[in-house]
Amino acid sequence: MNPAKVRRDRLEKLTDLPNIGPSLAEDLRKIGIQTAEQLQGRDVMELYETLSRVTGQRQDPCVLDVFISITRFMDGEEPKVWWEYTAERKTMFGRI
């Protein structure tokens, strides 16, 4: 969902999270994430590596940006567009 439209009090499905559409919601389900609450306190690199392993292919690094955005949101930050995390991801993880 577009971060500007996200309402913390209306997180009924994964697509209610910032930056999550049907495809990424399905990817989250593939790695065992069924609810937004299951993202609280999660390690973003672990999520990314698990998705890469489950799908059998390395995911685009932008997926890691999205994972940062949704875990931070679930840990209390305001919703932001995923690309606001790109520079931070590159600093944290380098070239993946």
PDB file of N, CA and C in Angstrom:
ATOM      1  N   MET A   1       0.841  -1.184   0.000  1.00  0.00           N
ATOM      2  CA  MET A   1       0.000   0.000   0.000  1.00  0.00           C
ATOM      3  C   MET A   1       0.884   1.244   0.000  1.00  0.00           C
ATOM      4  N   ASN A   2       0.394   2.265  -0.622  1.00  0.00           N
ATOM      5  CA  ASN A   2       1.074   3.549  -0.610  1.00  0.00           C
ATOM      6  C   ASN A   2       1.217   4.007   0.842  1.00  0.00           C
ATOM      7  N   PRO A   3       2.446   4.339   1.294  1.00  0.00           N
ATOM      8  CA  PRO A   3       2.643   4.730   2.689  1.00  0.00           C
ATOM      9  C   PRO A   3       1.753   5.882   3.151  1.00  0.00           C
ATOM     10  N   ALA A   4       1.387   6.781   2.244  1.00  0.00           N
ATOM     11  CA  ALA A   4       0.529   7.905   2.619  1.00  0.00           C
ATOM     12  C   ALA A   4      -0.881   7.449   2.996  1.00  0.00           C
ATOM     13  N   LYS A   5      -1.265   6.247   2.578  1.00  0.00           N
ATOM     14  CA  LYS A   5      -2.612   5.744   2.845  1.00  0.00           C
ATOM     15  C   LYS A   5      -2.663   4.748   4.006  1.00  0.00           C
ATOM     16  N   VAL A   6      -1.516   4.396   4.561  1.00  0.00           N
ATOM     17  CA  VAL A   6      -1.453   3.397   5.621  1.00  0.00           C
ATOM     18  C   VAL A   6      -2.061   3.939   6.902  1.00  0.00           C
ATOM     19  N   ARG A   7      -2.857   3.095   7.533  1.00  0.00           N
ATOM     20  CA  ARG A   7      -3.447   3.425   8.834  1.00  0.00           C
ATOM     21  C   ARG A   7      -3.064   2.317   9.804  1.00  0.00           C
ATOM     22  N   ARG A   8      -2.332   2.681  10.811  1.00  0.00           N
ATOM     23  CA  ARG A   8      -1.855   1.716  11.793  1.00  0.00           C
ATOM     24  C   ARG A   8      -3.011   0.962  12.459  1.00  0.00           C
ATOM     25  N   ASP A   9      -4.161   1.604  12.562  1.00  0.00           N
ATOM     26  CA  ASP A   9      -5.319   0.971  13.205  1.00  0.00           C
ATOM     27  C   ASP A   9      -6.115   0.080  12.244  1.00  0.00           C
ATOM     28  N   ARG A  10      -5.626  -0.048  11.013  1.00  0.00           N
ATOM     29  CA  ARG A  10      -6.305  -0.890  10.016  1.00  0.00           C
ATOM     30  C   ARG A  10      -5.325  -1.837   9.324  1.00  0.00           C
ATOM     31  N   LEU A  11      -4.649  -2.625  10.095  1.00  0.00           N
ATOM     32  CA  LEU A  11      -3.701  -3.587   9.538  1.00  0.00           C
ATOM     33  C   LEU A  11      -4.344  -4.964   9.561  1.00  0.00           C
ATOM     34  N   GLU A  12      -5.277  -5.167   8.662  1.00  0.00           N
ATOM     35  CA  GLU A  12      -6.003  -6.426   8.626  1.00  0.00           C
ATOM     36  C   GLU A  12      -5.332  -7.473   7.750  1.00  0.00           C
ATOM     37  N   LYS A  13      -4.609  -7.019   6.732  1.00  0.00           N
ATOM     38  CA  LYS A  13      -3.918  -7.952   5.841  1.00  0.00           C
ATOM     39  C   LYS A  13      -2.552  -7.372   5.498  1.00  0.00           C
ATOM     40  N   LEU A  14      -1.688  -8.217   4.966  1.00  0.00           N
ATOM     41  CA  LEU A  14      -0.323  -7.779   4.677  1.00  0.00           C
ATOM     42  C   LEU A  14      -0.275  -6.614   3.695  1.00  0.00           C
ATOM     43  N   THR A  15      -1.215  -6.544   2.784  1.00  0.00           N
ATOM     44  CA  THR A  15      -1.229  -5.442   1.813  1.00  0.00           C
ATOM     45  C   THR A  15      -1.640  -4.113   2.451  1.00  0.00           C
ATOM     46  N   ASP A  16      -1.992  -4.118   3.723  1.00  0.00           N
ATOM     47  CA  ASP A  16      -2.253  -2.872   4.447  1.00  0.00           C
ATOM     48  C   ASP A  16      -0.963  -2.234   4.948  1.00  0.00           C
ATOM     49  N   LEU A  17       0.150  -2.943   4.814  1.00  0.00           N
ATOM     50  CA  LEU A  17       1.453  -2.414   5.219  1.00  0.00           C
ATOM     51  C   LEU A  17       1.995  -1.461   4.155  1.00  0.00           C
ATOM     52  N   PRO A  18       2.859  -0.516   4.558  1.00  0.00           N
ATOM     53  CA  PRO A  18       3.456   0.370   3.560  1.00  0.00           C
ATOM     54  C   PRO A  18       4.313  -0.413   2.567  1.00  0.00           C
ATOM     55  N   ASN A  19       4.179  -0.080   1.311  1.00  0.00           N
ATOM     56  CA  ASN A  19       5.004  -0.633   0.229  1.00  0.00           C
ATOM     57  C   ASN A  19       4.719  -2.088  -0.116  1.00  0.00           C
ATOM     58  N   ILE A  20       3.661  -2.663   0.421  1.00  0.00           N
ATOM     59  CA  ILE A  20       3.357  -4.068   0.171  1.00  0.00           C
ATOM     60  C   ILE A  20       2.127  -4.183  -0.728  1.00  0.00           C
ATOM     61  N   GLY A  21       2.355  -4.788  -1.893  1.00  0.00           N
ATOM     62  CA  GLY A  21       1.275  -5.110  -2.807  1.00  0.00           C
ATOM     63  C   GLY A  21       1.044  -6.608  -2.782  1.00  0.00           C
ATOM     64  N   PRO A  22       0.200  -7.107  -3.659  1.00  0.00           N
ATOM     65  CA  PRO A  22      -0.114  -8.537  -3.672  1.00  0.00           C
ATOM     66  C   PRO A  22       1.102  -9.451  -3.831  1.00  0.00           C
ATOM     67  N   SER A  23       2.040  -9.091  -4.685  1.00  0.00           N
ATOM     68  CA  SER A  23       3.196  -9.947  -4.938  1.00  0.00           C
ATOM     69  C   SER A  23       4.095 -10.080  -3.705  1.00  0.00           C
ATOM     70  N   LEU A  24       4.429  -8.952  -3.084  1.00  0.00           N
ATOM     71  CA  LEU A  24       5.271  -9.023  -1.891  1.00  0.00           C
ATOM     72  C   LEU A  24       4.514  -9.630  -0.712  1.00  0.00           C
ATOM     73  N   ALA A  25       3.212  -9.445  -0.660  1.00  0.00           N
ATOM     74  CA  ALA A  25       2.421 -10.102   0.395  1.00  0.00           C
ATOM     75  C   ALA A  25       2.533 -11.621   0.243  1.00  0.00           C
ATOM     76  N   GLU A  26       2.475 -12.095  -0.988  1.00  0.00           N
ATOM     77  CA  GLU A  26       2.624 -13.535  -1.243  1.00  0.00           C
ATOM     78  C   GLU A  26       4.029 -14.000  -0.868  1.00  0.00           C
ATOM     79  N   ASP A  27       5.033 -13.202  -1.185  1.00  0.00           N
ATOM     80  CA  ASP A  27       6.402 -13.551  -0.799  1.00  0.00           C
ATOM     81  C   ASP A  27       6.533 -13.652   0.717  1.00  0.00           C
ATOM     82  N   LEU A  28       5.918 -12.729   1.435  1.00  0.00           N
ATOM     83  CA  LEU A  28       5.957 -12.793   2.901  1.00  0.00           C
ATOM     84  C   LEU A  28       5.297 -14.078   3.408  1.00  0.00           C
ATOM     85  N   ARG A  29       4.180 -14.438   2.814  1.00  0.00           N
ATOM     86  CA  ARG A  29       3.512 -15.681   3.219  1.00  0.00           C
ATOM     87  C   ARG A  29       4.394 -16.894   2.938  1.00  0.00           C
ATOM     88  N   LYS A  30       5.147 -16.861   1.851  1.00  0.00           N
ATOM     89  CA  LYS A  30       6.055 -17.962   1.516  1.00  0.00           C
ATOM     90  C   LYS A  30       7.093 -18.197   2.601  1.00  0.00           C
ATOM     91  N   ILE A  31       7.458 -17.142   3.327  1.00  0.00           N
ATOM     92  CA  ILE A  31       8.468 -17.288   4.378  1.00  0.00           C
ATOM     93  C   ILE A  31       7.842 -17.318   5.774  1.00  0.00           C
ATOM     94  N   GLY A  32       6.547 -17.573   5.807  1.00  0.00           N
ATOM     95  CA  GLY A  32       5.886 -17.792   7.091  1.00  0.00           C
ATOM     96  C   GLY A  32       5.312 -16.577   7.776  1.00  0.00           C
ATOM     97  N   ILE A  33       5.312 -15.436   7.100  1.00  0.00           N
ATOM     98  CA  ILE A  33       4.728 -14.221   7.679  1.00  0.00           C
ATOM     99  C   ILE A  33       3.280 -14.142   7.219  1.00  0.00           C
ATOM    100  N   GLN A  34       2.362 -14.296   8.156  1.00  0.00           N
ATOM    101  CA  GLN A  34       0.929 -14.271   7.847  1.00  0.00           C
ATOM    102  C   GLN A  34       0.260 -12.984   8.314  1.00  0.00           C
ATOM    103  N   THR A  35       0.850 -12.339   9.324  1.00  0.00           N
ATOM    104  CA  THR A  35       0.265 -11.117   9.879  1.00  0.00           C
ATOM    105  C   THR A  35       1.340 -10.044  10.022  1.00  0.00           C
ATOM    106  N   ALA A  36       0.903  -8.805  10.033  1.00  0.00           N
ATOM    107  CA  ALA A  36       1.829  -7.687  10.194  1.00  0.00           C
ATOM    108  C   ALA A  36       2.577  -7.782  11.525  1.00  0.00           C
ATOM    109  N   GLU A  37       1.922  -8.251  12.548  1.00  0.00           N
ATOM    110  CA  GLU A  37       2.531  -8.337  13.874  1.00  0.00           C
ATOM    111  C   GLU A  37       3.745  -9.257  13.888  1.00  0.00           C
ATOM    112  N   GLN A  38       3.790 -10.227  12.999  1.00  0.00           N
ATOM    113  CA  GLN A  38       4.915 -11.149  12.940  1.00  0.00           C
ATOM    114  C   GLN A  38       6.199 -10.485  12.449  1.00  0.00           C
ATOM    115  N   LEU A  39       6.116  -9.252  11.990  1.00  0.00           N
ATOM    116  CA  LEU A  39       7.290  -8.519  11.522  1.00  0.00           C
ATOM    117  C   LEU A  39       7.988  -7.749  12.638  1.00  0.00           C
ATOM    118  N   GLN A  40       7.340  -7.604  13.764  1.00  0.00           N
ATOM    119  CA  GLN A  40       7.926  -6.835  14.866  1.00  0.00           C
ATOM    120  C   GLN A  40       9.217  -7.494  15.339  1.00  0.00           C
ATOM    121  N   GLY A  41      10.276  -6.690  15.390  1.00  0.00           N
ATOM    122  CA  GLY A  41      11.551  -7.152  15.894  1.00  0.00           C
ATOM    123  C   GLY A  41      12.310  -8.099  14.986  1.00  0.00           C
ATOM    124  N   ARG A  42      11.855  -8.283  13.763  1.00  0.00           N
ATOM    125  CA  ARG A  42      12.499  -9.236  12.848  1.00  0.00           C
ATOM    126  C   ARG A  42      13.765  -8.641  12.233  1.00  0.00           C
ATOM    127  N   ASP A  43      14.709  -9.506  11.931  1.00  0.00           N
ATOM    128  CA  ASP A  43      15.949  -9.143  11.273  1.00  0.00           C
ATOM    129  C   ASP A  43      15.693  -9.085   9.762  1.00  0.00           C
ATOM    130  N   VAL A  44      15.910  -7.928   9.169  1.00  0.00           N
ATOM    131  CA  VAL A  44      15.584  -7.749   7.753  1.00  0.00           C
ATOM    132  C   VAL A  44      16.452  -8.605   6.841  1.00  0.00           C
ATOM    133  N   MET A  45      17.707  -8.778   7.189  1.00  0.00           N
ATOM    134  CA  MET A  45      18.573  -9.601   6.351  1.00  0.00           C
ATOM    135  C   MET A  45      18.143 -11.064   6.436  1.00  0.00           C
ATOM    136  N   GLU A  46      17.715 -11.508   7.579  1.00  0.00           N
ATOM    137  CA  GLU A  46      17.211 -12.879   7.706  1.00  0.00           C
ATOM    138  C   GLU A  46      15.973 -13.076   6.833  1.00  0.00           C
ATOM    139  N   LEU A  47      15.066 -12.107   6.830  1.00  0.00           N
ATOM    140  CA  LEU A  47      13.879 -12.188   5.973  1.00  0.00           C
ATOM    141  C   LEU A  47      14.289 -12.267   4.505  1.00  0.00           C
ATOM    142  N   TYR A  48      15.214 -11.401   4.116  1.00  0.00           N
ATOM    143  CA  TYR A  48      15.681 -11.337   2.735  1.00  0.00           C
ATOM    144  C   TYR A  48      16.339 -12.645   2.313  1.00  0.00           C
ATOM    145  N   GLU A  49      17.242 -13.152   3.141  1.00  0.00           N
ATOM    146  CA  GLU A  49      17.947 -14.391   2.811  1.00  0.00           C
ATOM    147  C   GLU A  49      16.993 -15.584   2.785  1.00  0.00           C
ATOM    148  N   THR A  50      16.020 -15.593   3.682  1.00  0.00           N
ATOM    149  CA  THR A  50      15.035 -16.673   3.695  1.00  0.00           C
ATOM    150  C   THR A  50      14.207 -16.654   2.420  1.00  0.00           C
ATOM    151  N   LEU A  51      13.770 -15.473   1.993  1.00  0.00           N
ATOM    152  CA  LEU A  51      12.998 -15.373   0.761  1.00  0.00           C
ATOM    153  C   LEU A  51      13.840 -15.820  -0.439  1.00  0.00           C
ATOM    154  N   SER A  52      15.089 -15.424  -0.484  1.00  0.00           N
ATOM    155  CA  SER A  52      15.965 -15.845  -1.579  1.00  0.00           C
ATOM    156  C   SER A  52      16.110 -17.363  -1.598  1.00  0.00           C
ATOM    157  N   ARG A  53      16.266 -17.958  -0.429  1.00  0.00           N
ATOM    158  CA  ARG A  53      16.415 -19.414  -0.351  1.00  0.00           C
ATOM    159  C   ARG A  53      15.134 -20.133  -0.760  1.00  0.00           C
ATOM    160  N   VAL A  54      13.997 -19.666  -0.257  1.00  0.00           N
ATOM    161  CA  VAL A  54      12.706 -20.305  -0.543  1.00  0.00           C
ATOM    162  C   VAL A  54      12.350 -20.212  -2.024  1.00  0.00           C
ATOM    163  N   THR A  55      12.656 -19.086  -2.644  1.00  0.00           N
ATOM    164  CA  THR A  55      12.311 -18.909  -4.064  1.00  0.00           C
ATOM    165  C   THR A  55      13.386 -19.465  -4.997  1.00  0.00           C
ATOM    166  N   GLY A  56      14.549 -19.755  -4.441  1.00  0.00           N
ATOM    167  CA  GLY A  56      15.617 -20.299  -5.268  1.00  0.00           C
ATOM    168  C   GLY A  56      16.316 -19.267  -6.127  1.00  0.00           C
ATOM    169  N   GLN A  57      16.128 -18.002  -5.792  1.00  0.00           N
ATOM    170  CA  GLN A  57      16.813 -16.949  -6.546  1.00  0.00           C
ATOM    171  C   GLN A  57      17.091 -15.751  -5.655  1.00  0.00           C
ATOM    172  N   ARG A  58      18.205 -15.092  -5.944  1.00  0.00           N
ATOM    173  CA  ARG A  58      18.567 -13.889  -5.200  1.00  0.00           C
ATOM    174  C   ARG A  58      17.535 -12.807  -5.496  1.00  0.00           C
ATOM    175  N   GLN A  59      17.036 -12.204  -4.462  1.00  0.00           N
ATOM    176  CA  GLN A  59      16.039 -11.150  -4.622  1.00  0.00           C
ATOM    177  C   GLN A  59      16.718  -9.819  -4.946  1.00  0.00           C
ATOM    178  N   ASP A  60      15.996  -8.973  -5.628  1.00  0.00           N
ATOM    179  CA  ASP A  60      16.475  -7.625  -5.902  1.00  0.00           C
ATOM    180  C   ASP A  60      16.757  -6.935  -4.567  1.00  0.00           C
ATOM    181  N   PRO A  61      17.840  -6.162  -4.452  1.00  0.00           N
ATOM    182  CA  PRO A  61      18.137  -5.465  -3.203  1.00  0.00           C
ATOM    183  C   PRO A  61      17.018  -4.533  -2.741  1.00  0.00           C
ATOM    184  N   CYS A  62      16.184  -4.064  -3.659  1.00  0.00           N
ATOM    185  CA  CYS A  62      15.059  -3.200  -3.276  1.00  0.00           C
ATOM    186  C   CYS A  62      14.085  -3.924  -2.347  1.00  0.00           C
ATOM    187  N   VAL A  63      14.034  -5.248  -2.445  1.00  0.00           N
ATOM    188  CA  VAL A  63      13.183  -6.020  -1.534  1.00  0.00           C
ATOM    189  C   VAL A  63      13.675  -5.824  -0.099  1.00  0.00           C
ATOM    190  N   LEU A  64      14.975  -5.746   0.074  1.00  0.00           N
ATOM    191  CA  LEU A  64      15.531  -5.487   1.400  1.00  0.00           C
ATOM    192  C   LEU A  64      15.106  -4.107   1.904  1.00  0.00           C
ATOM    193  N   ASP A  65      15.076  -3.122   1.010  1.00  0.00           N
ATOM    194  CA  ASP A  65      14.587  -1.787   1.387  1.00  0.00           C
ATOM    195  C   ASP A  65      13.148  -1.864   1.882  1.00  0.00           C
ATOM    196  N   VAL A  66      12.331  -2.629   1.187  1.00  0.00           N
ATOM    197  CA  VAL A  66      10.931  -2.794   1.589  1.00  0.00           C
ATOM    198  C   VAL A  66      10.850  -3.482   2.950  1.00  0.00           C
ATOM    199  N   PHE A  67      11.671  -4.507   3.151  1.00  0.00           N
ATOM    200  CA  PHE A  67      11.663  -5.203   4.438  1.00  0.00           C
ATOM    201  C   PHE A  67      12.080  -4.265   5.571  1.00  0.00           C
ATOM    202  N   ILE A  68      13.041  -3.386   5.311  1.00  0.00           N
ATOM    203  CA  ILE A  68      13.411  -2.390   6.321  1.00  0.00           C
ATOM    204  C   ILE A  68      12.206  -1.505   6.612  1.00  0.00           C
ATOM    205  N   SER A  69      11.526  -1.058   5.556  1.00  0.00           N
ATOM    206  CA  SER A  69      10.391  -0.141   5.749  1.00  0.00           C
ATOM    207  C   SER A  69       9.272  -0.769   6.573  1.00  0.00           C
ATOM    208  N   ILE A  70       8.975  -2.032   6.322  1.00  0.00           N
ATOM    209  CA  ILE A  70       7.839  -2.636   7.040  1.00  0.00           C
ATOM    210  C   ILE A  70       8.204  -3.060   8.456  1.00  0.00           C
ATOM    211  N   THR A  71       9.443  -3.493   8.672  1.00  0.00           N
ATOM    212  CA  THR A  71       9.818  -3.845  10.051  1.00  0.00           C
ATOM    213  C   THR A  71       9.921  -2.590  10.905  1.00  0.00           C
ATOM    214  N   ARG A  72      10.454  -1.529  10.339  1.00  0.00           N
ATOM    215  CA  ARG A  72      10.525  -0.265  11.086  1.00  0.00           C
ATOM    216  C   ARG A  72       9.120   0.261  11.392  1.00  0.00           C
ATOM    217  N   PHE A  73       8.243   0.171  10.415  1.00  0.00           N
ATOM    218  CA  PHE A  73       6.862   0.598  10.636  1.00  0.00           C
ATOM    219  C   PHE A  73       6.234  -0.197  11.779  1.00  0.00           C
ATOM    220  N   MET A  74       6.419  -1.502  11.756  1.00  0.00           N
ATOM    221  CA  MET A  74       5.830  -2.342  12.798  1.00  0.00           C
ATOM    222  C   MET A  74       6.506  -2.143  14.152  1.00  0.00           C
ATOM    223  N   ASP A  75       7.701  -1.589  14.153  1.00  0.00           N
ATOM    224  CA  ASP A  75       8.378  -1.267  15.410  1.00  0.00           C
ATOM    225  C   ASP A  75       8.085   0.159  15.867  1.00  0.00           C
ATOM    226  N   GLY A  76       7.163   0.853  15.156  1.00  0.00           N
ATOM    227  CA  GLY A  76       6.685   2.142  15.631  1.00  0.00           C
ATOM    228  C   GLY A  76       7.003   3.360  14.793  1.00  0.00           C
ATOM    229  N   GLU A  77       7.833   3.227  13.772  1.00  0.00           N
ATOM    230  CA  GLU A  77       8.146   4.391  12.941  1.00  0.00           C
ATOM    231  C   GLU A  77       6.976   4.748  12.028  1.00  0.00           C
ATOM    232  N   GLU A  78       7.013   5.954  11.515  1.00  0.00           N
ATOM    233  CA  GLU A  78       6.010   6.394  10.553  1.00  0.00           C
ATOM    234  C   GLU A  78       6.226   5.656   9.235  1.00  0.00           C
ATOM    235  N   PRO A  79       5.164   5.451   8.458  1.00  0.00           N
ATOM    236  CA  PRO A  79       5.329   4.794   7.158  1.00  0.00           C
ATOM    237  C   PRO A  79       6.089   5.699   6.190  1.00  0.00           C
ATOM    238  N   LYS A  80       7.034   5.087   5.467  1.00  0.00           N
ATOM    239  CA  LYS A  80       7.823   5.823   4.476  1.00  0.00           C
ATOM    240  C   LYS A  80       7.892   4.992   3.200  1.00  0.00           C
ATOM    241  N   VAL A  81       8.132   5.669   2.088  1.00  0.00           N
ATOM    242  CA  VAL A  81       8.337   4.952   0.834  1.00  0.00           C
ATOM    243  C   VAL A  81       9.632   4.157   0.938  1.00  0.00           C
ATOM    244  N   TRP A  82       9.671   3.001   0.288  1.00  0.00           N
ATOM    245  CA  TRP A  82      10.803   2.092   0.441  1.00  0.00           C
ATOM    246  C   TRP A  82      12.132   2.701   0.041  1.00  0.00           C
ATOM    247  N   TRP A  83      12.152   3.575  -0.962  1.00  0.00           N
ATOM    248  CA  TRP A  83      13.428   4.095  -1.450  1.00  0.00           C
ATOM    249  C   TRP A  83      14.081   5.064  -0.469  1.00  0.00           C
ATOM    250  N   GLU A  84      13.350   5.475   0.552  1.00  0.00           N
ATOM    251  CA  GLU A  84      13.984   6.295   1.585  1.00  0.00           C
ATOM    252  C   GLU A  84      14.969   5.475   2.424  1.00  0.00           C
ATOM    253  N   TYR A  85      14.933   4.169   2.293  1.00  0.00           N
ATOM    254  CA  TYR A  85      15.831   3.286   3.035  1.00  0.00           C
ATOM    255  C   TYR A  85      17.003   2.781   2.196  1.00  0.00           C
ATOM    256  N   THR A  86      17.058   3.134   0.923  1.00  0.00           N
ATOM    257  CA  THR A  86      18.097   2.612   0.035  1.00  0.00           C
ATOM    258  C   THR A  86      19.497   2.994   0.499  1.00  0.00           C
ATOM    259  N   ALA A  87      19.735   4.246   0.798  1.00  0.00           N
ATOM    260  CA  ALA A  87      21.076   4.679   1.228  1.00  0.00           C
ATOM    261  C   ALA A  87      21.472   3.979   2.529  1.00  0.00           C
ATOM    262  N   GLU A  88      20.544   3.853   3.443  1.00  0.00           N
ATOM    263  CA  GLU A  88      20.821   3.163   4.703  1.00  0.00           C
ATOM    264  C   GLU A  88      21.164   1.697   4.454  1.00  0.00           C
ATOM    265  N   ARG A  89      20.397   1.044   3.585  1.00  0.00           N
ATOM    266  CA  ARG A  89      20.672  -0.362   3.253  1.00  0.00           C
ATOM    267  C   ARG A  89      22.065  -0.518   2.677  1.00  0.00           C
ATOM    268  N   LYS A  90      22.449   0.382   1.783  1.00  0.00           N
ATOM    269  CA  LYS A  90      23.774   0.299   1.171  1.00  0.00           C
ATOM    270  C   LYS A  90      24.871   0.498   2.221  1.00  0.00           C
ATOM    271  N   THR A  91      24.634   1.368   3.186  1.00  0.00           N
ATOM    272  CA  THR A  91      25.600   1.575   4.268  1.00  0.00           C
ATOM    273  C   THR A  91      25.664   0.356   5.185  1.00  0.00           C
ATOM    274  N   MET A  92      24.505  -0.198   5.519  1.00  0.00           N
ATOM    275  CA  MET A  92      24.444  -1.340   6.434  1.00  0.00           C
ATOM    276  C   MET A  92      24.981  -2.627   5.826  1.00  0.00           C
ATOM    277  N   PHE A  93      24.637  -2.884   4.579  1.00  0.00           N
ATOM    278  CA  PHE A  93      24.917  -4.182   3.986  1.00  0.00           C
ATOM    279  C   PHE A  93      25.847  -4.142   2.777  1.00  0.00           C
ATOM    280  N   GLY A  94      26.221  -2.960   2.347  1.00  0.00           N
ATOM    281  CA  GLY A  94      27.092  -2.870   1.181  1.00  0.00           C
ATOM    282  C   GLY A  94      26.373  -3.360  -0.064  1.00  0.00           C
ATOM    283  N   ARG A  95      27.141  -3.856  -0.957  1.00  0.00           N
ATOM    284  CA  ARG A  95      26.594  -4.341  -2.226  1.00  0.00           C
ATOM    285  C   ARG A  95      26.191  -5.805  -2.069  1.00  0.00           C
ATOM    286  N   ILE A  96      24.906  -6.077  -2.207  1.00  0.00           N
ATOM    287  CA  ILE A  96      24.438  -7.462  -2.046  1.00  0.00           C
ATOM    288  C   ILE A  96      23.990  -8.015  -3.376  1.00  0.00           C
TER     289      ILE A  96
END
